[in-house]
Amino acid sequence: MVNDLKAVYFVRDFAGDPKYRERKQFLDGEKPPQGRKVEVVFKDGERLVGTTLGYDPHRSGFFIFPVDPQGNNLRIFAVLTSVGKVSFF
């Protein structure tokens, strides 16, 4: 079931680059490509920063587009039952 998942990650490459450190904040003056700026903290403490087009607390989850365009994650479907906090800025 979906509620048994934390999130579904859509990635560029399954191997990734373990040395790469993903950016977790917007740069000064950076305009997000789409949606509202959001910070998501999962119940396990993982933190994601990016944008979302469809957050609705009454749905099972929502997509996040990470702030770092060079990172391995292209987008992430966050399952709401695994999310501890959602903040918009």
N, C-alpha and C. Protein backbone atom coordinates (compact mmCIF):
# COMPACT_ATOMS: atom_id res chain seq x y z
N MET A 1 0.82 -1.20 0.00
CA MET A 1 0.00 0.00 0.00
C MET A 1 0.87 1.26 0.00
N VAL A 2 0.30 2.30 -0.50
CA VAL A 2 1.03 3.58 -0.56
C VAL A 2 1.40 4.05 0.84
N ASN A 3 0.52 3.90 1.80
CA ASN A 3 0.79 4.38 3.15
C ASN A 3 1.95 3.66 3.83
N ASP A 4 2.40 2.53 3.28
CA ASP A 4 3.56 1.82 3.82
C ASP A 4 4.87 2.41 3.32
N LEU A 5 4.80 3.33 2.36
CA LEU A 5 5.98 3.96 1.79
C LEU A 5 6.27 5.29 2.48
N LYS A 6 7.51 5.70 2.41
CA LYS A 6 7.90 7.03 2.86
C LYS A 6 7.76 8.00 1.69
N ALA A 7 8.34 7.61 0.55
CA ALA A 7 8.33 8.44 -0.64
C ALA A 7 8.75 7.59 -1.83
N VAL A 8 8.48 8.11 -3.01
CA VAL A 8 8.95 7.50 -4.24
C VAL A 8 9.87 8.53 -4.90
N TYR A 9 11.12 8.11 -5.15
CA TYR A 9 12.12 9.00 -5.71
C TYR A 9 12.31 8.70 -7.20
N PHE A 10 12.17 9.72 -8.03
CA PHE A 10 12.41 9.61 -9.46
C PHE A 10 13.81 10.19 -9.68
N VAL A 11 14.75 9.34 -10.12
CA VAL A 11 16.16 9.72 -10.15
C VAL A 11 16.74 9.72 -11.57
N ARG A 12 17.85 10.42 -11.73
CA ARG A 12 18.58 10.43 -13.00
C ARG A 12 19.28 9.10 -13.22
N ASP A 13 19.90 8.61 -12.16
CA ASP A 13 20.78 7.46 -12.25
C ASP A 13 20.64 6.65 -10.96
N PHE A 14 20.44 5.36 -11.07
CA PHE A 14 20.27 4.53 -9.88
C PHE A 14 21.53 4.46 -9.03
N ALA A 15 22.69 4.62 -9.63
CA ALA A 15 23.95 4.59 -8.86
C ALA A 15 24.18 5.92 -8.14
N GLY A 16 23.81 7.03 -8.75
CA GLY A 16 24.04 8.33 -8.14
C GLY A 16 25.53 8.62 -7.99
N ASP A 17 25.85 9.65 -7.23
CA ASP A 17 27.23 10.02 -6.94
C ASP A 17 27.33 10.24 -5.44
N PRO A 18 27.85 9.27 -4.70
CA PRO A 18 27.90 9.38 -3.24
C PRO A 18 28.73 10.57 -2.74
N LYS A 19 29.60 11.12 -3.57
CA LYS A 19 30.43 12.27 -3.16
C LYS A 19 29.69 13.60 -3.32
N TYR A 20 28.64 13.62 -4.13
CA TYR A 20 27.92 14.87 -4.39
C TYR A 20 27.07 15.25 -3.18
N ARG A 21 27.15 16.51 -2.77
CA ARG A 21 26.35 17.02 -1.66
C ARG A 21 25.25 17.90 -2.22
N GLU A 22 24.03 17.42 -2.11
CA GLU A 22 22.88 18.12 -2.66
C GLU A 22 22.63 19.44 -1.92
N ARG A 23 22.37 20.47 -2.69
CA ARG A 23 22.05 21.79 -2.12
C ARG A 23 20.68 21.72 -1.47
N LYS A 24 20.54 22.29 -0.26
CA LYS A 24 19.29 22.22 0.50
C LYS A 24 18.67 23.59 0.72
N GLN A 25 19.07 24.57 -0.08
CA GLN A 25 18.47 25.90 0.05
C GLN A 25 18.47 26.61 -1.29
N PHE A 26 17.56 27.56 -1.41
CA PHE A 26 17.52 28.37 -2.62
C PHE A 26 18.64 29.40 -2.55
N LEU A 27 19.22 29.72 -3.69
CA LEU A 27 20.24 30.76 -3.76
C LEU A 27 19.55 32.12 -3.71
N ASP A 28 20.25 33.14 -3.21
CA ASP A 28 19.69 34.49 -3.16
C ASP A 28 19.24 34.91 -4.55
N GLY A 29 18.01 35.36 -4.66
CA GLY A 29 17.46 35.83 -5.93
C GLY A 29 17.04 34.74 -6.89
N GLU A 30 17.24 33.47 -6.50
CA GLU A 30 16.87 32.37 -7.38
C GLU A 30 15.35 32.26 -7.48
N LYS A 31 14.87 32.21 -8.70
CA LYS A 31 13.44 32.07 -8.92
C LYS A 31 13.14 30.59 -9.16
N PRO A 32 12.22 30.02 -8.36
CA PRO A 32 11.90 28.61 -8.58
C PRO A 32 11.26 28.40 -9.94
N PRO A 33 11.56 27.28 -10.58
CA PRO A 33 11.04 27.03 -11.92
C PRO A 33 9.53 26.83 -11.95
N GLN A 34 8.96 26.33 -10.87
CA GLN A 34 7.51 26.06 -10.84
C GLN A 34 7.05 25.88 -9.40
N GLY A 35 5.83 26.29 -9.11
CA GLY A 35 5.24 26.01 -7.83
C GLY A 35 5.68 26.90 -6.68
N ARG A 36 5.27 26.47 -5.48
CA ARG A 36 5.58 27.19 -4.25
C ARG A 36 6.81 26.59 -3.59
N LYS A 37 7.63 27.46 -3.00
CA LYS A 37 8.80 26.99 -2.26
C LYS A 37 8.33 26.26 -1.01
N VAL A 38 8.94 25.11 -0.76
CA VAL A 38 8.50 24.28 0.37
C VAL A 38 9.68 23.59 1.03
N GLU A 39 9.56 23.38 2.33
CA GLU A 39 10.48 22.53 3.07
C GLU A 39 9.64 21.41 3.67
N VAL A 40 10.08 20.18 3.46
CA VAL A 40 9.38 19.01 3.98
C VAL A 40 10.33 18.28 4.92
N VAL A 41 9.86 18.00 6.13
CA VAL A 41 10.64 17.22 7.07
C VAL A 41 9.87 15.93 7.32
N PHE A 42 10.49 14.81 6.99
CA PHE A 42 9.87 13.52 7.21
C PHE A 42 9.97 13.14 8.68
N LYS A 43 9.14 12.22 9.10
CA LYS A 43 9.14 11.78 10.49
C LYS A 43 10.47 11.16 10.91
N ASP A 44 11.24 10.66 9.95
CA ASP A 44 12.55 10.08 10.27
C ASP A 44 13.66 11.14 10.30
N GLY A 45 13.31 12.42 10.08
CA GLY A 45 14.27 13.52 10.16
C GLY A 45 14.83 13.98 8.83
N GLU A 46 14.62 13.22 7.75
CA GLU A 46 15.12 13.67 6.44
C GLU A 46 14.42 14.96 6.05
N ARG A 47 15.19 15.88 5.48
CA ARG A 47 14.69 17.20 5.09
C ARG A 47 14.85 17.39 3.59
N LEU A 48 13.78 17.82 2.93
CA LEU A 48 13.81 18.14 1.50
C LEU A 48 13.40 19.59 1.32
N VAL A 49 14.06 20.27 0.40
CA VAL A 49 13.71 21.65 0.05
C VAL A 49 13.50 21.69 -1.44
N GLY A 50 12.45 22.37 -1.86
CA GLY A 50 12.17 22.48 -3.29
C GLY A 50 10.89 23.23 -3.54
N THR A 51 10.17 22.79 -4.56
CA THR A 51 8.88 23.40 -4.89
C THR A 51 7.82 22.32 -5.05
N THR A 52 6.58 22.74 -4.90
CA THR A 52 5.46 21.82 -5.12
C THR A 52 4.34 22.55 -5.84
N LEU A 53 3.62 21.81 -6.64
CA LEU A 53 2.46 22.36 -7.35
C LEU A 53 1.15 21.89 -6.75
N GLY A 54 1.20 20.81 -5.95
CA GLY A 54 -0.06 20.21 -5.55
C GLY A 54 -0.16 19.72 -4.13
N TYR A 55 0.37 20.45 -3.16
CA TYR A 55 0.22 20.01 -1.78
C TYR A 55 -1.23 20.18 -1.34
N ASP A 56 -1.80 19.12 -0.83
CA ASP A 56 -3.15 19.14 -0.27
C ASP A 56 -3.14 18.16 0.90
N PRO A 57 -3.33 18.64 2.13
CA PRO A 57 -3.25 17.75 3.29
C PRO A 57 -4.32 16.66 3.32
N HIS A 58 -5.27 16.72 2.41
CA HIS A 58 -6.35 15.72 2.37
C HIS A 58 -6.09 14.62 1.35
N ARG A 59 -4.97 14.69 0.64
CA ARG A 59 -4.59 13.66 -0.32
C ARG A 59 -3.55 12.73 0.29
N SER A 60 -3.25 11.65 -0.41
CA SER A 60 -2.29 10.67 0.12
C SER A 60 -0.84 11.12 0.00
N GLY A 61 -0.56 12.12 -0.83
CA GLY A 61 0.80 12.60 -0.99
C GLY A 61 0.88 13.72 -2.00
N PHE A 62 2.11 14.15 -2.29
CA PHE A 62 2.32 15.26 -3.21
C PHE A 62 3.72 15.19 -3.78
N PHE A 63 3.94 15.84 -4.91
CA PHE A 63 5.24 15.87 -5.56
C PHE A 63 6.06 17.06 -5.10
N ILE A 64 7.35 16.82 -4.95
CA ILE A 64 8.33 17.87 -4.63
C ILE A 64 9.37 17.86 -5.75
N PHE A 65 9.70 19.03 -6.25
CA PHE A 65 10.78 19.20 -7.22
C PHE A 65 11.95 19.79 -6.44
N PRO A 66 13.04 19.04 -6.24
CA PRO A 66 14.15 19.49 -5.40
C PRO A 66 14.78 20.79 -5.88
N VAL A 67 15.29 21.56 -4.93
CA VAL A 67 15.90 22.86 -5.21
C VAL A 67 17.18 22.72 -6.04
N ASP A 68 17.89 21.62 -5.91
CA ASP A 68 19.17 21.45 -6.60
C ASP A 68 18.96 20.79 -7.97
N PRO A 69 19.07 21.57 -9.05
CA PRO A 69 18.85 21.00 -10.39
C PRO A 69 19.96 20.03 -10.82
N GLN A 70 21.09 20.03 -10.12
CA GLN A 70 22.19 19.14 -10.45
C GLN A 70 22.16 17.85 -9.63
N GLY A 71 21.25 17.76 -8.67
CA GLY A 71 21.16 16.57 -7.83
C GLY A 71 20.61 15.37 -8.59
N ASN A 72 20.68 14.22 -7.98
CA ASN A 72 20.22 12.99 -8.63
C ASN A 72 18.70 12.85 -8.62
N ASN A 73 18.04 13.47 -7.66
CA ASN A 73 16.58 13.39 -7.58
C ASN A 73 15.94 14.39 -8.54
N LEU A 74 15.11 13.88 -9.44
CA LEU A 74 14.40 14.75 -10.38
C LEU A 74 13.11 15.27 -9.76
N ARG A 75 12.41 14.39 -9.08
CA ARG A 75 11.20 14.74 -8.32
C ARG A 75 10.94 13.63 -7.33
N ILE A 76 10.15 13.96 -6.33
CA ILE A 76 9.88 13.02 -5.25
C ILE A 76 8.39 13.07 -4.93
N PHE A 77 7.78 11.91 -4.83
CA PHE A 77 6.39 11.84 -4.37
C PHE A 77 6.46 11.52 -2.88
N ALA A 78 6.11 12.48 -2.04
CA ALA A 78 6.14 12.30 -0.59
C ALA A 78 4.79 11.76 -0.12
N VAL A 79 4.81 10.66 0.60
CA VAL A 79 3.59 10.06 1.15
C VAL A 79 3.27 10.78 2.46
N LEU A 80 2.08 11.35 2.53
CA LEU A 80 1.72 12.23 3.63
C LEU A 80 1.82 11.58 5.01
N THR A 81 1.57 10.28 5.11
CA THR A 81 1.65 9.62 6.42
C THR A 81 3.08 9.58 6.95
N SER A 82 4.07 9.80 6.09
CA SER A 82 5.48 9.79 6.50
C SER A 82 6.04 11.19 6.73
N VAL A 83 5.24 12.20 6.43
CA VAL A 83 5.68 13.59 6.55
C VAL A 83 5.37 14.11 7.95
N GLY A 84 6.39 14.70 8.57
CA GLY A 84 6.20 15.30 9.91
C GLY A 84 5.78 16.74 9.84
N LYS A 85 6.36 17.49 8.88
CA LYS A 85 6.10 18.94 8.81
C LYS A 85 6.27 19.43 7.38
N VAL A 86 5.38 20.34 6.97
CA VAL A 86 5.46 21.00 5.67
C VAL A 86 5.44 22.51 5.94
N SER A 87 6.46 23.21 5.43
CA SER A 87 6.53 24.67 5.62
C SER A 87 6.71 25.35 4.27
N PHE A 88 5.95 26.40 4.06
CA PHE A 88 6.07 27.19 2.83
C PHE A 88 6.82 28.49 3.15
N PHE A 89 7.62 28.96 2.19
CA PHE A 89 8.33 30.23 2.39
C PHE A 89 8.48 30.96 1.09
